[in-house]
Amino acid sequence: MYDVVERYSGYLFALLAAIFVLSTFYKPYPLSWLVKVLPLLFLIIIAFKNNGTKSSKFFLTGLIFSAFGDFFLDYDRINWFVFGLGAFLVAHLCYIKSLMPINKKRMAIVMLYVFYGIAVFLLISAGLGELFVPVLVYMSVLLCMAVATLVSCNSNRWLIAGGLSFVISDSLLGIDKFYTAIPYATLFIMVSYYFAQYALMKGFYRR
């Protein structure tokens, strides 16, 4: 039974993700945080089954903290935003650790993410207020994670796509929250976010 689930994991994950994405048009509704977390819980189950190495343990921990981040941001996006930010910060640190070692010969490409990160942060910085430092730290770690998918000795197309999609998702979230409202922002944020998590996991276990 588990082999069947794993074989069709992409379709099952997409179904769970689509349910929450479509449900955002009807929010707020009771237990929306649970519907949001279900796709991550599904990935956690798959990752737990493949949890055989030290790096895979770090990746699994990253997924778990991502699930906590999803809960915090959906349960109370205003008052618990900083907790969600912290949970995803830890998640990205775990992802970075799981992607070690790195290929130093490819470090020049880091500048692309650096310039992009600076541009986005300058755009939203005026609206950050007391979150200026936490968001700066988080964005720095997020970009390091995305860079790690590029320069990891185990880099592949799925990992790179996951890192890029995570940056796009969080950029949209930051711009929508701290700069200017984006039409259908939640739709674009969640589609790119769920794809990022799935792509990272697929790329990690395909190494």
C-alpha atoms as a PDB file:
ATOM      1  CA  MET A   1       0.000   0.000   0.000  1.00  0.00           C
ATOM      2  CA  TYR A   2       2.799   2.407   0.910  1.00  0.00           C
ATOM      3  CA  ASP A   3       4.571   1.713  -2.394  1.00  0.00           C
ATOM      4  CA  VAL A   4       1.425   2.751  -4.255  1.00  0.00           C
ATOM      5  CA  VAL A   5       1.189   5.959  -2.235  1.00  0.00           C
ATOM      6  CA  GLU A   6       4.854   6.757  -2.883  1.00  0.00           C
ATOM      7  CA  ARG A   7       4.535   5.987  -6.596  1.00  0.00           C
ATOM      8  CA  TYR A   8       1.682   8.472  -6.956  1.00  0.00           C
ATOM      9  CA  SER A   9       2.970  10.891  -4.340  1.00  0.00           C
ATOM     10  CA  GLY A  10       3.183  13.772  -6.803  1.00  0.00           C
ATOM     11  CA  TYR A  11      -0.490  13.482  -7.729  1.00  0.00           C
ATOM     12  CA  LEU A  12      -1.615  13.049  -4.130  1.00  0.00           C
ATOM     13  CA  PHE A  13       0.443  16.011  -2.990  1.00  0.00           C
ATOM     14  CA  ALA A  14      -0.912  18.149  -5.844  1.00  0.00           C
ATOM     15  CA  LEU A  15      -4.466  17.192  -4.855  1.00  0.00           C
ATOM     16  CA  LEU A  16      -3.946  18.165  -1.214  1.00  0.00           C
ATOM     17  CA  ALA A  17      -2.234  21.407  -2.234  1.00  0.00           C
ATOM     18  CA  ALA A  18      -5.007  22.246  -4.715  1.00  0.00           C
ATOM     19  CA  ILE A  19      -7.667  21.745  -2.044  1.00  0.00           C
ATOM     20  CA  PHE A  20      -6.084  24.381   0.179  1.00  0.00           C
ATOM     21  CA  VAL A  21      -5.274  26.783  -2.670  1.00  0.00           C
ATOM     22  CA  LEU A  22      -8.873  26.687  -3.887  1.00  0.00           C
ATOM     23  CA  SER A  23     -10.186  26.983  -0.345  1.00  0.00           C
ATOM     24  CA  THR A  24      -8.424  30.343   0.067  1.00  0.00           C
ATOM     25  CA  PHE A  25     -11.228  31.870  -2.005  1.00  0.00           C
ATOM     26  CA  TYR A  26     -13.608  30.924   0.823  1.00  0.00           C
ATOM     27  CA  LYS A  27     -11.515  31.920   3.841  1.00  0.00           C
ATOM     28  CA  PRO A  28     -11.878  32.361   6.716  1.00  0.00           C
ATOM     29  CA  TYR A  29     -13.272  28.975   7.694  1.00  0.00           C
ATOM     30  CA  PRO A  30     -12.717  26.693  10.726  1.00  0.00           C
ATOM     31  CA  LEU A  31      -9.497  24.642  10.801  1.00  0.00           C
ATOM     32  CA  SER A  32      -8.094  26.218   7.647  1.00  0.00           C
ATOM     33  CA  TRP A  33      -4.649  25.790   9.206  1.00  0.00           C
ATOM     34  CA  LEU A  34      -5.115  22.012   9.156  1.00  0.00           C
ATOM     35  CA  VAL A  35      -6.023  22.002   5.475  1.00  0.00           C
ATOM     36  CA  LYS A  36      -2.936  24.120   4.802  1.00  0.00           C
ATOM     37  CA  VAL A  37      -0.622  21.803   6.728  1.00  0.00           C
ATOM     38  CA  LEU A  38      -1.886  18.539   5.188  1.00  0.00           C
ATOM     39  CA  PRO A  39       0.338  18.705   2.061  1.00  0.00           C
ATOM     40  CA  LEU A  40       3.422  19.164   4.274  1.00  0.00           C
ATOM     41  CA  LEU A  41       2.358  16.331   6.559  1.00  0.00           C
ATOM     42  CA  PHE A  42       2.136  14.116   3.474  1.00  0.00           C
ATOM     43  CA  LEU A  43       5.699  15.063   2.474  1.00  0.00           C
ATOM     44  CA  ILE A  44       6.865  14.450   6.042  1.00  0.00           C
ATOM     45  CA  ILE A  45       5.470  10.893   5.920  1.00  0.00           C
ATOM     46  CA  ILE A  46       7.280  10.222   2.629  1.00  0.00           C
ATOM     47  CA  ALA A  47      10.519  11.743   3.954  1.00  0.00           C
ATOM     48  CA  PHE A  48      10.280   9.781   7.215  1.00  0.00           C
ATOM     49  CA  LYS A  49      10.099   6.553   5.231  1.00  0.00           C
ATOM     50  CA  ASN A  50      13.346   7.537   3.467  1.00  0.00           C
ATOM     51  CA  ASN A  51      15.042   8.863   6.595  1.00  0.00           C
ATOM     52  CA  GLY A  52      18.232   6.802   6.474  1.00  0.00           C
ATOM     53  CA  THR A  53      21.128   9.264   6.416  1.00  0.00           C
ATOM     54  CA  LYS A  54      22.251  12.249   8.454  1.00  0.00           C
ATOM     55  CA  SER A  55      21.473  14.655   5.619  1.00  0.00           C
ATOM     56  CA  SER A  56      17.992  13.153   5.185  1.00  0.00           C
ATOM     57  CA  LYS A  57      17.337  13.735   8.898  1.00  0.00           C
ATOM     58  CA  PHE A  58      18.138  17.423   8.434  1.00  0.00           C
ATOM     59  CA  PHE A  59      15.834  17.569   5.414  1.00  0.00           C
ATOM     60  CA  LEU A  60      13.032  15.876   7.353  1.00  0.00           C
ATOM     61  CA  THR A  61      13.512  18.381  10.192  1.00  0.00           C
ATOM     62  CA  GLY A  62      13.237  21.181   7.643  1.00  0.00           C
ATOM     63  CA  LEU A  63       9.894  19.839   6.480  1.00  0.00           C
ATOM     64  CA  ILE A  64       8.651  19.580  10.067  1.00  0.00           C
ATOM     65  CA  PHE A  65       9.554  23.187  10.839  1.00  0.00           C
ATOM     66  CA  SER A  66       7.935  24.238   7.561  1.00  0.00           C
ATOM     67  CA  ALA A  67       4.717  22.605   8.761  1.00  0.00           C
ATOM     68  CA  PHE A  68       4.953  24.586  12.004  1.00  0.00           C
ATOM     69  CA  GLY A  69       5.505  27.727   9.941  1.00  0.00           C
ATOM     70  CA  ASP A  70       2.388  26.990   7.911  1.00  0.00           C
ATOM     71  CA  PHE A  71       0.393  26.564  11.104  1.00  0.00           C
ATOM     72  CA  PHE A  72       1.618  29.815  12.668  1.00  0.00           C
ATOM     73  CA  LEU A  73       1.022  31.883   9.543  1.00  0.00           C
ATOM     74  CA  ASP A  74      -2.477  30.547   8.962  1.00  0.00           C
ATOM     75  CA  TYR A  75      -3.708  30.346  12.551  1.00  0.00           C
ATOM     76  CA  ASP A  76      -2.891  34.002  13.264  1.00  0.00           C
ATOM     77  CA  ARG A  77      -1.000  35.717  10.452  1.00  0.00           C
ATOM     78  CA  ILE A  78      -0.904  39.051  12.280  1.00  0.00           C
ATOM     79  CA  ASN A  79       0.186  38.182  15.825  1.00  0.00           C
ATOM     80  CA  TRP A  80       2.058  34.972  15.039  1.00  0.00           C
ATOM     81  CA  PHE A  81       3.836  36.161  11.898  1.00  0.00           C
ATOM     82  CA  VAL A  82       7.183  36.351  13.681  1.00  0.00           C
ATOM     83  CA  PHE A  83       6.787  32.751  14.914  1.00  0.00           C
ATOM     84  CA  GLY A  84       6.082  31.610  11.379  1.00  0.00           C
ATOM     85  CA  LEU A  85       9.126  33.533  10.200  1.00  0.00           C
ATOM     86  CA  GLY A  86      11.250  31.843  12.865  1.00  0.00           C
ATOM     87  CA  ALA A  87       9.964  28.374  11.989  1.00  0.00           C
ATOM     88  CA  PHE A  88      10.792  28.830   8.319  1.00  0.00           C
ATOM     89  CA  LEU A  89      14.180  30.278   9.256  1.00  0.00           C
ATOM     90  CA  VAL A  90      15.037  27.034  11.057  1.00  0.00           C
ATOM     91  CA  ALA A  91      13.594  25.040   8.144  1.00  0.00           C
ATOM     92  CA  HIS A  92      15.906  26.762   5.670  1.00  0.00           C
ATOM     93  CA  LEU A  93      18.912  26.222   7.908  1.00  0.00           C
ATOM     94  CA  CYS A  94      18.075  22.519   7.976  1.00  0.00           C
ATOM     95  CA  TYR A  95      17.682  22.451   4.200  1.00  0.00           C
ATOM     96  CA  ILE A  96      21.069  24.137   3.810  1.00  0.00           C
ATOM     97  CA  LYS A  97      22.693  21.566   6.083  1.00  0.00           C
ATOM     98  CA  SER A  98      21.075  18.716   4.143  1.00  0.00           C
ATOM     99  CA  LEU A  99      22.520  20.074   0.875  1.00  0.00           C
ATOM    100  CA  MET A 100      26.132  19.969   2.022  1.00  0.00           C
ATOM    101  CA  PRO A 101      28.813  19.709   0.696  1.00  0.00           C
ATOM    102  CA  ILE A 102      29.000  22.556  -1.820  1.00  0.00           C
ATOM    103  CA  ASN A 103      30.897  22.993  -5.070  1.00  0.00           C
ATOM    104  CA  LYS A 104      32.961  26.151  -4.546  1.00  0.00           C
ATOM    105  CA  LYS A 105      33.724  26.429  -8.261  1.00  0.00           C
ATOM    106  CA  ARG A 106      30.132  27.482  -8.880  1.00  0.00           C
ATOM    107  CA  MET A 107      29.956  30.243  -6.262  1.00  0.00           C
ATOM    108  CA  ALA A 108      29.976  33.070  -8.864  1.00  0.00           C
ATOM    109  CA  ILE A 109      26.291  32.460  -9.540  1.00  0.00           C
ATOM    110  CA  VAL A 110      25.563  33.541  -5.958  1.00  0.00           C
ATOM    111  CA  MET A 111      25.600  37.178  -7.067  1.00  0.00           C
ATOM    112  CA  LEU A 112      22.373  36.725  -9.029  1.00  0.00           C
ATOM    113  CA  TYR A 113      20.478  35.905  -5.859  1.00  0.00           C
ATOM    114  CA  VAL A 114      22.338  38.582  -3.892  1.00  0.00           C
ATOM    115  CA  PHE A 115      21.304  41.355  -6.293  1.00  0.00           C
ATOM    116  CA  TYR A 116      17.733  40.092  -6.379  1.00  0.00           C
ATOM    117  CA  GLY A 117      17.546  39.895  -2.578  1.00  0.00           C
ATOM    118  CA  ILE A 118      18.881  43.430  -2.166  1.00  0.00           C
ATOM    119  CA  ALA A 119      16.354  44.762  -4.681  1.00  0.00           C
ATOM    120  CA  VAL A 120      13.378  43.106  -2.980  1.00  0.00           C
ATOM    121  CA  PHE A 121      14.503  44.098   0.510  1.00  0.00           C
ATOM    122  CA  LEU A 122      14.967  47.732  -0.503  1.00  0.00           C
ATOM    123  CA  LEU A 123      11.472  47.650  -1.985  1.00  0.00           C
ATOM    124  CA  ILE A 124       9.783  46.409   1.193  1.00  0.00           C
ATOM    125  CA  SER A 125      12.123  47.867   3.845  1.00  0.00           C
ATOM    126  CA  ALA A 126      10.082  51.030   4.461  1.00  0.00           C
ATOM    127  CA  GLY A 127       7.061  48.986   5.521  1.00  0.00           C
ATOM    128  CA  LEU A 128       8.846  46.551   7.833  1.00  0.00           C
ATOM    129  CA  GLY A 129       8.906  48.644  11.009  1.00  0.00           C
ATOM    130  CA  GLU A 130      10.000  46.522  13.995  1.00  0.00           C
ATOM    131  CA  LEU A 131      10.312  43.500  11.709  1.00  0.00           C
ATOM    132  CA  PHE A 132      13.215  45.090   9.809  1.00  0.00           C
ATOM    133  CA  VAL A 133      15.930  42.920  11.409  1.00  0.00           C
ATOM    134  CA  PRO A 134      13.961  39.629  11.548  1.00  0.00           C
ATOM    135  CA  VAL A 135      12.973  39.926   7.886  1.00  0.00           C
ATOM    136  CA  LEU A 136      16.529  40.864   6.896  1.00  0.00           C
ATOM    137  CA  VAL A 137      17.900  37.792   8.676  1.00  0.00           C
ATOM    138  CA  TYR A 138      15.216  35.555   7.214  1.00  0.00           C
ATOM    139  CA  MET A 139      15.743  36.789   3.663  1.00  0.00           C
ATOM    140  CA  SER A 140      19.486  36.252   4.002  1.00  0.00           C
ATOM    141  CA  VAL A 141      19.003  32.642   5.113  1.00  0.00           C
ATOM    142  CA  LEU A 142      16.351  32.032   2.426  1.00  0.00           C
ATOM    143  CA  LEU A 143      18.740  33.236  -0.268  1.00  0.00           C
ATOM    144  CA  CYS A 144      21.508  31.062   1.181  1.00  0.00           C
ATOM    145  CA  MET A 145      19.183  28.077   0.888  1.00  0.00           C
ATOM    146  CA  ALA A 146      18.383  28.916  -2.733  1.00  0.00           C
ATOM    147  CA  VAL A 147      22.079  29.350  -3.468  1.00  0.00           C
ATOM    148  CA  ALA A 148      22.805  26.001  -1.794  1.00  0.00           C
ATOM    149  CA  THR A 149      20.512  24.269  -4.296  1.00  0.00           C
ATOM    150  CA  LEU A 150      22.709  25.694  -7.051  1.00  0.00           C
ATOM    151  CA  VAL A 151      26.147  25.062  -5.593  1.00  0.00           C
ATOM    152  CA  SER A 152      25.512  21.782  -3.782  1.00  0.00           C
ATOM    153  CA  CYS A 153      27.626  18.914  -5.043  1.00  0.00           C
ATOM    154  CA  ASN A 154      24.307  17.065  -5.319  1.00  0.00           C
ATOM    155  CA  SER A 155      22.551  19.857  -7.227  1.00  0.00           C
ATOM    156  CA  ASN A 156      19.931  18.930  -9.807  1.00  0.00           C
ATOM    157  CA  ARG A 157      17.097  20.594 -11.696  1.00  0.00           C
ATOM    158  CA  TRP A 158      14.466  19.774  -9.070  1.00  0.00           C
ATOM    159  CA  LEU A 159      16.517  21.259  -6.231  1.00  0.00           C
ATOM    160  CA  ILE A 160      17.262  24.417  -8.204  1.00  0.00           C
ATOM    161  CA  ALA A 161      13.600  24.802  -9.171  1.00  0.00           C
ATOM    162  CA  GLY A 162      12.585  24.336  -5.533  1.00  0.00           C
ATOM    163  CA  GLY A 163      14.990  26.969  -4.274  1.00  0.00           C
ATOM    164  CA  LEU A 164      13.937  29.461  -6.944  1.00  0.00           C
ATOM    165  CA  SER A 165      10.245  28.844  -6.357  1.00  0.00           C
ATOM    166  CA  PHE A 166      10.678  29.363  -2.594  1.00  0.00           C
ATOM    167  CA  VAL A 167      12.324  32.726  -3.259  1.00  0.00           C
ATOM    168  CA  ILE A 168       9.499  33.722  -5.606  1.00  0.00           C
ATOM    169  CA  SER A 169       6.840  32.673  -3.091  1.00  0.00           C
ATOM    170  CA  ASP A 170       8.368  34.584  -0.185  1.00  0.00           C
ATOM    171  CA  SER A 171       9.080  37.604  -2.388  1.00  0.00           C
ATOM    172  CA  LEU A 172       5.409  37.772  -3.329  1.00  0.00           C
ATOM    173  CA  LEU A 173       4.422  37.405   0.325  1.00  0.00           C
ATOM    174  CA  GLY A 174       6.785  40.180   1.397  1.00  0.00           C
ATOM    175  CA  ILE A 175       5.740  42.584  -1.350  1.00  0.00           C
ATOM    176  CA  ASP A 176       2.043  41.927  -0.717  1.00  0.00           C
ATOM    177  CA  LYS A 177       2.369  42.337   3.061  1.00  0.00           C
ATOM    178  CA  PHE A 178       4.887  45.151   3.348  1.00  0.00           C
ATOM    179  CA  TYR A 179       4.765  47.118   0.088  1.00  0.00           C
ATOM    180  CA  THR A 180       1.593  46.909  -1.986  1.00  0.00           C
ATOM    181  CA  ALA A 181      -1.316  44.513  -2.323  1.00  0.00           C
ATOM    182  CA  ILE A 182      -1.023  42.009  -5.174  1.00  0.00           C
ATOM    183  CA  PRO A 183      -4.241  40.764  -6.809  1.00  0.00           C
ATOM    184  CA  TYR A 184      -4.795  37.069  -5.968  1.00  0.00           C
ATOM    185  CA  ALA A 185      -1.573  37.158  -3.952  1.00  0.00           C
ATOM    186  CA  THR A 186      -2.451  34.137  -1.796  1.00  0.00           C
ATOM    187  CA  LEU A 187      -3.078  32.032  -4.892  1.00  0.00           C
ATOM    188  CA  PHE A 188       0.331  32.773  -6.406  1.00  0.00           C
ATOM    189  CA  ILE A 189       2.130  32.561  -3.066  1.00  0.00           C
ATOM    190  CA  MET A 190       0.728  29.160  -2.166  1.00  0.00           C
ATOM    191  CA  VAL A 191       1.109  27.587  -5.625  1.00  0.00           C
ATOM    192  CA  SER A 192       4.780  28.583  -5.771  1.00  0.00           C
ATOM    193  CA  TYR A 193       5.291  27.589  -2.115  1.00  0.00           C
ATOM    194  CA  TYR A 194       3.819  24.104  -2.439  1.00  0.00           C
ATOM    195  CA  PHE A 195       5.728  23.525  -5.667  1.00  0.00           C
ATOM    196  CA  ALA A 196       8.928  24.638  -3.900  1.00  0.00           C
ATOM    197  CA  GLN A 197       8.510  22.132  -1.083  1.00  0.00           C
ATOM    198  CA  TYR A 198       7.674  19.274  -3.440  1.00  0.00           C
ATOM    199  CA  ALA A 199      10.531  20.108  -5.822  1.00  0.00           C
ATOM    200  CA  LEU A 200      13.028  20.313  -2.962  1.00  0.00           C
ATOM    201  CA  MET A 201      11.984  16.903  -1.674  1.00  0.00           C
ATOM    202  CA  LYS A 202      11.985  15.316  -5.142  1.00  0.00           C
ATOM    203  CA  GLY A 203      15.387  16.802  -5.884  1.00  0.00           C
ATOM    204  CA  PHE A 204      16.823  15.798  -2.529  1.00  0.00           C
ATOM    205  CA  TYR A 205      15.843  12.137  -2.825  1.00  0.00           C
ATOM    206  CA  ARG A 206      16.768  11.978  -6.508  1.00  0.00           C
ATOM    207  CA  ARG A 207      20.425  12.904  -5.807  1.00  0.00           C
END
